[in-house]
Amino acid sequence: MSDVQATVQVLNLCALTGLEQPPLIGDYTHLFLELNKERVTAVFKRYQQALTQLSADIEKRNERREQPFQTFNPSLLNVSVST
């Protein structure tokens, strides 16, 4: 049986990690530092385009499947937050 402190810690962990996280595909350029911002933004945009294309490819493949496979679809994934 856990004590009060352990119970409160578990409840806090559940409450904080259960919050909705931002989507993987999105505009996060406002978070970039000013140093080399143009280059970093260009790389990030290519990355986002690749994720969008991957999502479109997955959707196209799912049209042929009896049961769609969405586990790794970037349009449905959130940015992970480690605890």
PDB file of N, CA and C in Angstrom:
ATOM      1  N   MET A   1       0.850  -1.167   0.000  1.00  0.00           N
ATOM      2  CA  MET A   1       0.000   0.000   0.000  1.00  0.00           C
ATOM      3  C   MET A   1       0.898   1.233   0.000  1.00  0.00           C
ATOM      4  N   SER A   2       0.593   2.169  -0.874  1.00  0.00           N
ATOM      5  CA  SER A   2       1.412   3.380  -0.947  1.00  0.00           C
ATOM      6  C   SER A   2       0.956   4.402   0.089  1.00  0.00           C
ATOM      7  N   ASP A   3       1.901   5.252   0.445  1.00  0.00           N
ATOM      8  CA  ASP A   3       1.572   6.290   1.416  1.00  0.00           C
ATOM      9  C   ASP A   3       0.983   7.511   0.696  1.00  0.00           C
ATOM     10  N   VAL A   4       0.651   8.529   1.449  1.00  0.00           N
ATOM     11  CA  VAL A   4       0.007   9.719   0.897  1.00  0.00           C
ATOM     12  C   VAL A   4       0.919  10.423  -0.104  1.00  0.00           C
ATOM     13  N   GLN A   5       2.206  10.542   0.220  1.00  0.00           N
ATOM     14  CA  GLN A   5       3.132  11.240  -0.671  1.00  0.00           C
ATOM     15  C   GLN A   5       3.234  10.527  -2.023  1.00  0.00           C
ATOM     16  N   ALA A   6       3.371   9.213  -2.026  1.00  0.00           N
ATOM     17  CA  ALA A   6       3.466   8.459  -3.281  1.00  0.00           C
ATOM     18  C   ALA A   6       2.182   8.594  -4.096  1.00  0.00           C
ATOM     19  N   THR A   7       1.060   8.577  -3.439  1.00  0.00           N
ATOM     20  CA  THR A   7      -0.221   8.722  -4.134  1.00  0.00           C
ATOM     21  C   THR A   7      -0.338  10.085  -4.792  1.00  0.00           C
ATOM     22  N   VAL A   8       0.040  11.134  -4.077  1.00  0.00           N
ATOM     23  CA  VAL A   8      -0.021  12.488  -4.627  1.00  0.00           C
ATOM     24  C   VAL A   8       0.958  12.629  -5.793  1.00  0.00           C
ATOM     25  N   GLN A   9       2.137  12.036  -5.684  1.00  0.00           N
ATOM     26  CA  GLN A   9       3.114  12.105  -6.771  1.00  0.00           C
ATOM     27  C   GLN A   9       2.576  11.428  -8.029  1.00  0.00           C
ATOM     28  N   VAL A  10       1.972  10.281  -7.897  1.00  0.00           N
ATOM     29  CA  VAL A  10       1.407   9.577  -9.049  1.00  0.00           C
ATOM     30  C   VAL A  10       0.269  10.381  -9.662  1.00  0.00           C
ATOM     31  N   LEU A  11      -0.583  10.957  -8.833  1.00  0.00           N
ATOM     32  CA  LEU A  11      -1.686  11.766  -9.349  1.00  0.00           C
ATOM     33  C   LEU A  11      -1.169  13.006 -10.087  1.00  0.00           C
ATOM     34  N   ASN A  12      -0.130  13.646  -9.560  1.00  0.00           N
ATOM     35  CA  ASN A  12       0.473  14.798 -10.236  1.00  0.00           C
ATOM     36  C   ASN A  12       1.088  14.399 -11.562  1.00  0.00           C
ATOM     37  N   LEU A  13       1.785  13.280 -11.580  1.00  0.00           N
ATOM     38  CA  LEU A  13       2.400  12.788 -12.810  1.00  0.00           C
ATOM     39  C   LEU A  13       1.334  12.508 -13.866  1.00  0.00           C
ATOM     40  N   CYS A  14       0.271  11.871 -13.471  1.00  0.00           N
ATOM     41  CA  CYS A  14      -0.827  11.579 -14.406  1.00  0.00           C
ATOM     42  C   CYS A  14      -1.467  12.859 -14.930  1.00  0.00           C
ATOM     43  N   ALA A  15      -1.667  13.814 -14.046  1.00  0.00           N
ATOM     44  CA  ALA A  15      -2.314  15.063 -14.445  1.00  0.00           C
ATOM     45  C   ALA A  15      -1.441  15.860 -15.408  1.00  0.00           C
ATOM     46  N   LEU A  16      -0.142  15.907 -15.161  1.00  0.00           N
ATOM     47  CA  LEU A  16       0.743  16.715 -15.998  1.00  0.00           C
ATOM     48  C   LEU A  16       1.090  16.044 -17.320  1.00  0.00           C
ATOM     49  N   THR A  17       1.236  14.750 -17.335  1.00  0.00           N
ATOM     50  CA  THR A  17       1.583  14.071 -18.583  1.00  0.00           C
ATOM     51  C   THR A  17       0.359  13.742 -19.410  1.00  0.00           C
ATOM     52  N   GLY A  18      -0.813  13.889 -18.849  1.00  0.00           N
ATOM     53  CA  GLY A  18      -2.035  13.610 -19.578  1.00  0.00           C
ATOM     54  C   GLY A  18      -2.554  14.795 -20.373  1.00  0.00           C
ATOM     55  N   LEU A  19      -1.893  15.946 -20.234  1.00  0.00           N
ATOM     56  CA  LEU A  19      -2.311  17.124 -20.984  1.00  0.00           C
ATOM     57  C   LEU A  19      -2.046  16.920 -22.468  1.00  0.00           C
ATOM     58  N   GLU A  20      -2.863  17.523 -23.298  1.00  0.00           N
ATOM     59  CA  GLU A  20      -2.677  17.410 -24.740  1.00  0.00           C
ATOM     60  C   GLU A  20      -1.381  18.105 -25.144  1.00  0.00           C
ATOM     61  N   GLN A  21      -0.625  17.461 -25.993  1.00  0.00           N
ATOM     62  CA  GLN A  21       0.648  17.983 -26.465  1.00  0.00           C
ATOM     63  C   GLN A  21       0.468  18.594 -27.849  1.00  0.00           C
ATOM     64  N   PRO A  22       1.381  19.467 -28.253  1.00  0.00           N
ATOM     65  CA  PRO A  22       1.259  20.074 -29.579  1.00  0.00           C
ATOM     66  C   PRO A  22       1.473  19.044 -30.684  1.00  0.00           C
ATOM     67  N   PRO A  23       0.848  19.244 -31.845  1.00  0.00           N
ATOM     68  CA  PRO A  23       0.995  18.289 -32.945  1.00  0.00           C
ATOM     69  C   PRO A  23       2.407  18.299 -33.516  1.00  0.00           C
ATOM     70  N   LEU A  24       2.814  17.180 -34.101  1.00  0.00           N
ATOM     71  CA  LEU A  24       4.141  17.064 -34.695  1.00  0.00           C
ATOM     72  C   LEU A  24       4.280  17.988 -35.903  1.00  0.00           C
ATOM     73  N   ILE A  25       3.227  18.077 -36.692  1.00  0.00           N
ATOM     74  CA  ILE A  25       3.258  18.958 -37.856  1.00  0.00           C
ATOM     75  C   ILE A  25       2.653  20.300 -37.442  1.00  0.00           C
ATOM     76  N   GLY A  26       3.483  21.330 -37.463  1.00  0.00           N
ATOM     77  CA  GLY A  26       3.030  22.653 -37.064  1.00  0.00           C
ATOM     78  C   GLY A  26       4.128  23.673 -37.266  1.00  0.00           C
ATOM     79  N   ASP A  27       3.801  24.930 -37.067  1.00  0.00           N
ATOM     80  CA  ASP A  27       4.765  26.013 -37.235  1.00  0.00           C
ATOM     81  C   ASP A  27       5.368  26.365 -35.876  1.00  0.00           C
ATOM     82  N   TYR A  28       6.631  26.011 -35.712  1.00  0.00           N
ATOM     83  CA  TYR A  28       7.334  26.287 -34.459  1.00  0.00           C
ATOM     84  C   TYR A  28       8.498  27.246 -34.676  1.00  0.00           C
ATOM     85  N   THR A  29       8.476  27.974 -35.782  1.00  0.00           N
ATOM     86  CA  THR A  29       9.587  28.867 -36.111  1.00  0.00           C
ATOM     87  C   THR A  29       9.717  30.015 -35.112  1.00  0.00           C
ATOM     88  N   HIS A  30       8.655  30.344 -34.411  1.00  0.00           N
ATOM     89  CA  HIS A  30       8.729  31.414 -33.412  1.00  0.00           C
ATOM     90  C   HIS A  30       9.593  31.019 -32.214  1.00  0.00           C
ATOM     91  N   LEU A  31       9.930  29.748 -32.113  1.00  0.00           N
ATOM     92  CA  LEU A  31      10.753  29.275 -30.996  1.00  0.00           C
ATOM     93  C   LEU A  31      12.250  29.288 -31.310  1.00  0.00           C
ATOM     94  N   PHE A  32      12.600  29.533 -32.567  1.00  0.00           N
ATOM     95  CA  PHE A  32      14.001  29.484 -32.971  1.00  0.00           C
ATOM     96  C   PHE A  32      14.755  30.719 -32.491  1.00  0.00           C
ATOM     97  N   LEU A  33      16.026  30.522 -32.168  1.00  0.00           N
ATOM     98  CA  LEU A  33      16.884  31.638 -31.793  1.00  0.00           C
ATOM     99  C   LEU A  33      17.211  32.465 -33.029  1.00  0.00           C
ATOM    100  N   GLU A  34      17.613  33.686 -32.838  1.00  0.00           N
ATOM    101  CA  GLU A  34      17.926  34.571 -33.962  1.00  0.00           C
ATOM    102  C   GLU A  34      19.193  34.150 -34.702  1.00  0.00           C
ATOM    103  N   LEU A  35      20.103  33.471 -34.021  1.00  0.00           N
ATOM    104  CA  LEU A  35      21.351  33.023 -34.636  1.00  0.00           C
ATOM    105  C   LEU A  35      21.035  32.002 -35.732  1.00  0.00           C
ATOM    106  N   ASN A  36      21.395  32.315 -36.972  1.00  0.00           N
ATOM    107  CA  ASN A  36      21.162  31.433 -38.125  1.00  0.00           C
ATOM    108  C   ASN A  36      19.694  31.080 -38.317  1.00  0.00           C
ATOM    109  N   LYS A  37      18.813  31.976 -37.956  1.00  0.00           N
ATOM    110  CA  LYS A  37      17.381  31.673 -37.997  1.00  0.00           C
ATOM    111  C   LYS A  37      16.892  31.345 -39.408  1.00  0.00           C
ATOM    112  N   GLU A  38      17.403  32.024 -40.408  1.00  0.00           N
ATOM    113  CA  GLU A  38      16.963  31.758 -41.779  1.00  0.00           C
ATOM    114  C   GLU A  38      17.319  30.346 -42.211  1.00  0.00           C
ATOM    115  N   ARG A  39      18.537  29.918 -41.922  1.00  0.00           N
ATOM    116  CA  ARG A  39      18.971  28.565 -42.298  1.00  0.00           C
ATOM    117  C   ARG A  39      18.195  27.512 -41.526  1.00  0.00           C
ATOM    118  N   VAL A  40      18.025  27.739 -40.242  1.00  0.00           N
ATOM    119  CA  VAL A  40      17.301  26.784 -39.406  1.00  0.00           C
ATOM    120  C   VAL A  40      15.844  26.692 -39.850  1.00  0.00           C
ATOM    121  N   THR A  41      15.249  27.814 -40.170  1.00  0.00           N
ATOM    122  CA  THR A  41      13.865  27.828 -40.635  1.00  0.00           C
ATOM    123  C   THR A  41      13.718  27.061 -41.946  1.00  0.00           C
ATOM    124  N   ALA A  42      14.677  27.216 -42.852  1.00  0.00           N
ATOM    125  CA  ALA A  42      14.622  26.495 -44.123  1.00  0.00           C
ATOM    126  C   ALA A  42      14.697  24.985 -43.900  1.00  0.00           C
ATOM    127  N   VAL A  43      15.582  24.554 -43.012  1.00  0.00           N
ATOM    128  CA  VAL A  43      15.700  23.122 -42.701  1.00  0.00           C
ATOM    129  C   VAL A  43      14.413  22.618 -42.059  1.00  0.00           C
ATOM    130  N   PHE A  44      13.872  23.390 -41.141  1.00  0.00           N
ATOM    131  CA  PHE A  44      12.642  22.995 -40.460  1.00  0.00           C
ATOM    132  C   PHE A  44      11.476  22.883 -41.437  1.00  0.00           C
ATOM    133  N   LYS A  45      11.377  23.810 -42.379  1.00  0.00           N
ATOM    134  CA  LYS A  45      10.302  23.757 -43.366  1.00  0.00           C
ATOM    135  C   LYS A  45      10.430  22.525 -44.247  1.00  0.00           C
ATOM    136  N   ARG A  46      11.664  22.159 -44.626  1.00  0.00           N
ATOM    137  CA  ARG A  46      11.863  20.929 -45.406  1.00  0.00           C
ATOM    138  C   ARG A  46      11.435  19.715 -44.585  1.00  0.00           C
ATOM    139  N   TYR A  47      11.759  19.713 -43.315  1.00  0.00           N
ATOM    140  CA  TYR A  47      11.367  18.627 -42.418  1.00  0.00           C
ATOM    141  C   TYR A  47       9.846  18.516 -42.332  1.00  0.00           C
ATOM    142  N   GLN A  48       9.171  19.646 -42.179  1.00  0.00           N
ATOM    143  CA  GLN A  48       7.713  19.651 -42.100  1.00  0.00           C
ATOM    144  C   GLN A  48       7.089  19.191 -43.417  1.00  0.00           C
ATOM    145  N   GLN A  49       7.679  19.592 -44.546  1.00  0.00           N
ATOM    146  CA  GLN A  49       7.187  19.148 -45.850  1.00  0.00           C
ATOM    147  C   GLN A  49       7.342  17.638 -45.996  1.00  0.00           C
ATOM    148  N   ALA A  50       8.480  17.109 -45.517  1.00  0.00           N
ATOM    149  CA  ALA A  50       8.697  15.661 -45.574  1.00  0.00           C
ATOM    150  C   ALA A  50       7.673  14.921 -44.716  1.00  0.00           C
ATOM    151  N   LEU A  51       7.362  15.453 -43.548  1.00  0.00           N
ATOM    152  CA  LEU A  51       6.351  14.833 -42.688  1.00  0.00           C
ATOM    153  C   LEU A  51       4.975  14.881 -43.342  1.00  0.00           C
ATOM    154  N   THR A  52       4.662  15.992 -43.978  1.00  0.00           N
ATOM    155  CA  THR A  52       3.372  16.126 -44.659  1.00  0.00           C
ATOM    156  C   THR A  52       3.282  15.143 -45.826  1.00  0.00           C
ATOM    157  N   GLN A  53       4.373  14.987 -46.575  1.00  0.00           N
ATOM    158  CA  GLN A  53       4.385  14.039 -47.684  1.00  0.00           C
ATOM    159  C   GLN A  53       4.257  12.603 -47.174  1.00  0.00           C
ATOM    160  N   LEU A  54       4.939  12.286 -46.074  1.00  0.00           N
ATOM    161  CA  LEU A  54       4.835  10.956 -45.480  1.00  0.00           C
ATOM    162  C   LEU A  54       3.398  10.675 -45.050  1.00  0.00           C
ATOM    163  N   SER A  55       2.760  11.660 -44.464  1.00  0.00           N
ATOM    164  CA  SER A  55       1.365  11.495 -44.050  1.00  0.00           C
ATOM    165  C   SER A  55       0.464  11.240 -45.253  1.00  0.00           C
ATOM    166  N   ALA A  56       0.698  11.965 -46.345  1.00  0.00           N
ATOM    167  CA  ALA A  56      -0.093  11.753 -47.563  1.00  0.00           C
ATOM    168  C   ALA A  56       0.148  10.350 -48.131  1.00  0.00           C
ATOM    169  N   ASP A  57       1.394   9.892 -48.090  1.00  0.00           N
ATOM    170  CA  ASP A  57       1.711   8.537 -48.560  1.00  0.00           C
ATOM    171  C   ASP A  57       1.004   7.477 -47.712  1.00  0.00           C
ATOM    172  N   ILE A  58       0.998   7.673 -46.425  1.00  0.00           N
ATOM    173  CA  ILE A  58       0.327   6.723 -45.523  1.00  0.00           C
ATOM    174  C   ILE A  58      -1.168   6.702 -45.811  1.00  0.00           C
ATOM    175  N   GLU A  59      -1.756   7.877 -45.993  1.00  0.00           N
ATOM    176  CA  GLU A  59      -3.192   7.944 -46.296  1.00  0.00           C
ATOM    177  C   GLU A  59      -3.503   7.224 -47.611  1.00  0.00           C
ATOM    178  N   LYS A  60      -2.632   7.391 -48.609  1.00  0.00           N
ATOM    179  CA  LYS A  60      -2.849   6.735 -49.896  1.00  0.00           C
ATOM    180  C   LYS A  60      -2.763   5.212 -49.758  1.00  0.00           C
ATOM    181  N   ARG A  61      -1.782   4.738 -48.995  1.00  0.00           N
ATOM    182  CA  ARG A  61      -1.648   3.297 -48.781  1.00  0.00           C
ATOM    183  C   ARG A  61      -2.827   2.745 -47.986  1.00  0.00           C
ATOM    184  N   ASN A  62      -3.333   3.543 -47.069  1.00  0.00           N
ATOM    185  CA  ASN A  62      -4.457   3.093 -46.243  1.00  0.00           C
ATOM    186  C   ASN A  62      -5.744   2.913 -47.045  1.00  0.00           C
ATOM    187  N   GLU A  63      -5.830   3.575 -48.194  1.00  0.00           N
ATOM    188  CA  GLU A  63      -7.016   3.415 -49.034  1.00  0.00           C
ATOM    189  C   GLU A  63      -7.170   1.969 -49.502  1.00  0.00           C
ATOM    190  N   ARG A  64      -6.048   1.269 -49.656  1.00  0.00           N
ATOM    191  CA  ARG A  64      -6.074  -0.115 -50.136  1.00  0.00           C
ATOM    192  C   ARG A  64      -6.193  -1.132 -48.999  1.00  0.00           C
ATOM    193  N   ARG A  65      -6.042  -0.684 -47.791  1.00  0.00           N
ATOM    194  CA  ARG A  65      -6.060  -1.606 -46.653  1.00  0.00           C
ATOM    195  C   ARG A  65      -7.461  -1.779 -46.105  1.00  0.00           C
ATOM    196  N   GLU A  66      -7.732  -3.005 -45.686  1.00  0.00           N
ATOM    197  CA  GLU A  66      -9.016  -3.269 -45.044  1.00  0.00           C
ATOM    198  C   GLU A  66      -9.103  -2.528 -43.708  1.00  0.00           C
ATOM    199  N   GLN A  67      -8.008  -2.568 -42.960  1.00  0.00           N
ATOM    200  CA  GLN A  67      -7.920  -1.869 -41.677  1.00  0.00           C
ATOM    201  C   GLN A  67      -6.807  -0.824 -41.792  1.00  0.00           C
ATOM    202  N   PRO A  68      -7.140   0.473 -41.830  1.00  0.00           N
ATOM    203  CA  PRO A  68      -6.102   1.506 -41.957  1.00  0.00           C
ATOM    204  C   PRO A  68      -5.096   1.430 -40.820  1.00  0.00           C
ATOM    205  N   PHE A  69      -3.835   1.658 -41.155  1.00  0.00           N
ATOM    206  CA  PHE A  69      -2.752   1.634 -40.175  1.00  0.00           C
ATOM    207  C   PHE A  69      -2.299   3.075 -39.949  1.00  0.00           C
ATOM    208  N   GLN A  70      -2.624   3.625 -38.793  1.00  0.00           N
ATOM    209  CA  GLN A  70      -2.351   5.030 -38.511  1.00  0.00           C
ATOM    210  C   GLN A  70      -1.288   5.235 -37.426  1.00  0.00           C
ATOM    211  N   THR A  71      -0.668   4.169 -36.967  1.00  0.00           N
ATOM    212  CA  THR A  71       0.230   4.263 -35.818  1.00  0.00           C
ATOM    213  C   THR A  71       1.353   5.279 -36.003  1.00  0.00           C
ATOM    214  N   PHE A  72       1.943   5.340 -37.184  1.00  0.00           N
ATOM    215  CA  PHE A  72       3.082   6.236 -37.404  1.00  0.00           C
ATOM    216  C   PHE A  72       2.735   7.404 -38.325  1.00  0.00           C
ATOM    217  N   ASN A  73       1.476   7.741 -38.436  1.00  0.00           N
ATOM    218  CA  ASN A  73       1.065   8.843 -39.293  1.00  0.00           C
ATOM    219  C   ASN A  73       1.413  10.172 -38.615  1.00  0.00           C
ATOM    220  N   PRO A  74       2.323  10.960 -39.210  1.00  0.00           N
ATOM    221  CA  PRO A  74       2.748  12.213 -38.572  1.00  0.00           C
ATOM    222  C   PRO A  74       1.622  13.206 -38.326  1.00  0.00           C
ATOM    223  N   SER A  75       0.561  13.148 -39.128  1.00  0.00           N
ATOM    224  CA  SER A  75      -0.536  14.102 -38.921  1.00  0.00           C
ATOM    225  C   SER A  75      -1.331  13.792 -37.662  1.00  0.00           C
ATOM    226  N   LEU A  76      -1.139  12.603 -37.107  1.00  0.00           N
ATOM    227  CA  LEU A  76      -1.859  12.217 -35.891  1.00  0.00           C
ATOM    228  C   LEU A  76      -0.973  12.194 -34.654  1.00  0.00           C
ATOM    229  N   LEU A  77       0.340  12.332 -34.846  1.00  0.00           N
ATOM    230  CA  LEU A  77       1.278  12.260 -33.724  1.00  0.00           C
ATOM    231  C   LEU A  77       1.454  13.613 -33.048  1.00  0.00           C
ATOM    232  N   ASN A  78       1.768  13.585 -31.790  1.00  0.00           N
ATOM    233  CA  ASN A  78       2.052  14.796 -31.014  1.00  0.00           C
ATOM    234  C   ASN A  78       3.536  14.865 -30.711  1.00  0.00           C
ATOM    235  N   VAL A  79       3.984  16.048 -30.391  1.00  0.00           N
ATOM    236  CA  VAL A  79       5.361  16.237 -29.955  1.00  0.00           C
ATOM    237  C   VAL A  79       5.502  15.591 -28.583  1.00  0.00           C
ATOM    238  N   SER A  80       6.514  14.790 -28.404  1.00  0.00           N
ATOM    239  CA  SER A  80       6.688  14.068 -27.153  1.00  0.00           C
ATOM    240  C   SER A  80       7.317  14.967 -26.097  1.00  0.00           C
ATOM    241  N   VAL A  81       6.862  14.792 -24.877  1.00  0.00           N
ATOM    242  CA  VAL A  81       7.447  15.494 -23.738  1.00  0.00           C
ATOM    243  C   VAL A  81       7.907  14.435 -22.754  1.00  0.00           C
ATOM    244  N   SER A  82       9.196  14.418 -22.476  1.00  0.00           N
ATOM    245  CA  SER A  82       9.756  13.432 -21.563  1.00  0.00           C
ATOM    246  C   SER A  82       9.541  13.861 -20.121  1.00  0.00           C
ATOM    247  N   THR A  83       9.205  12.895 -19.264  1.00  0.00           N
ATOM    248  CA  THR A  83       9.021  13.219 -17.845  1.00  0.00           C
ATOM    249  C   THR A  83      10.051  12.513 -17.011  1.00  0.00           C
TER     250      THR A  83
END
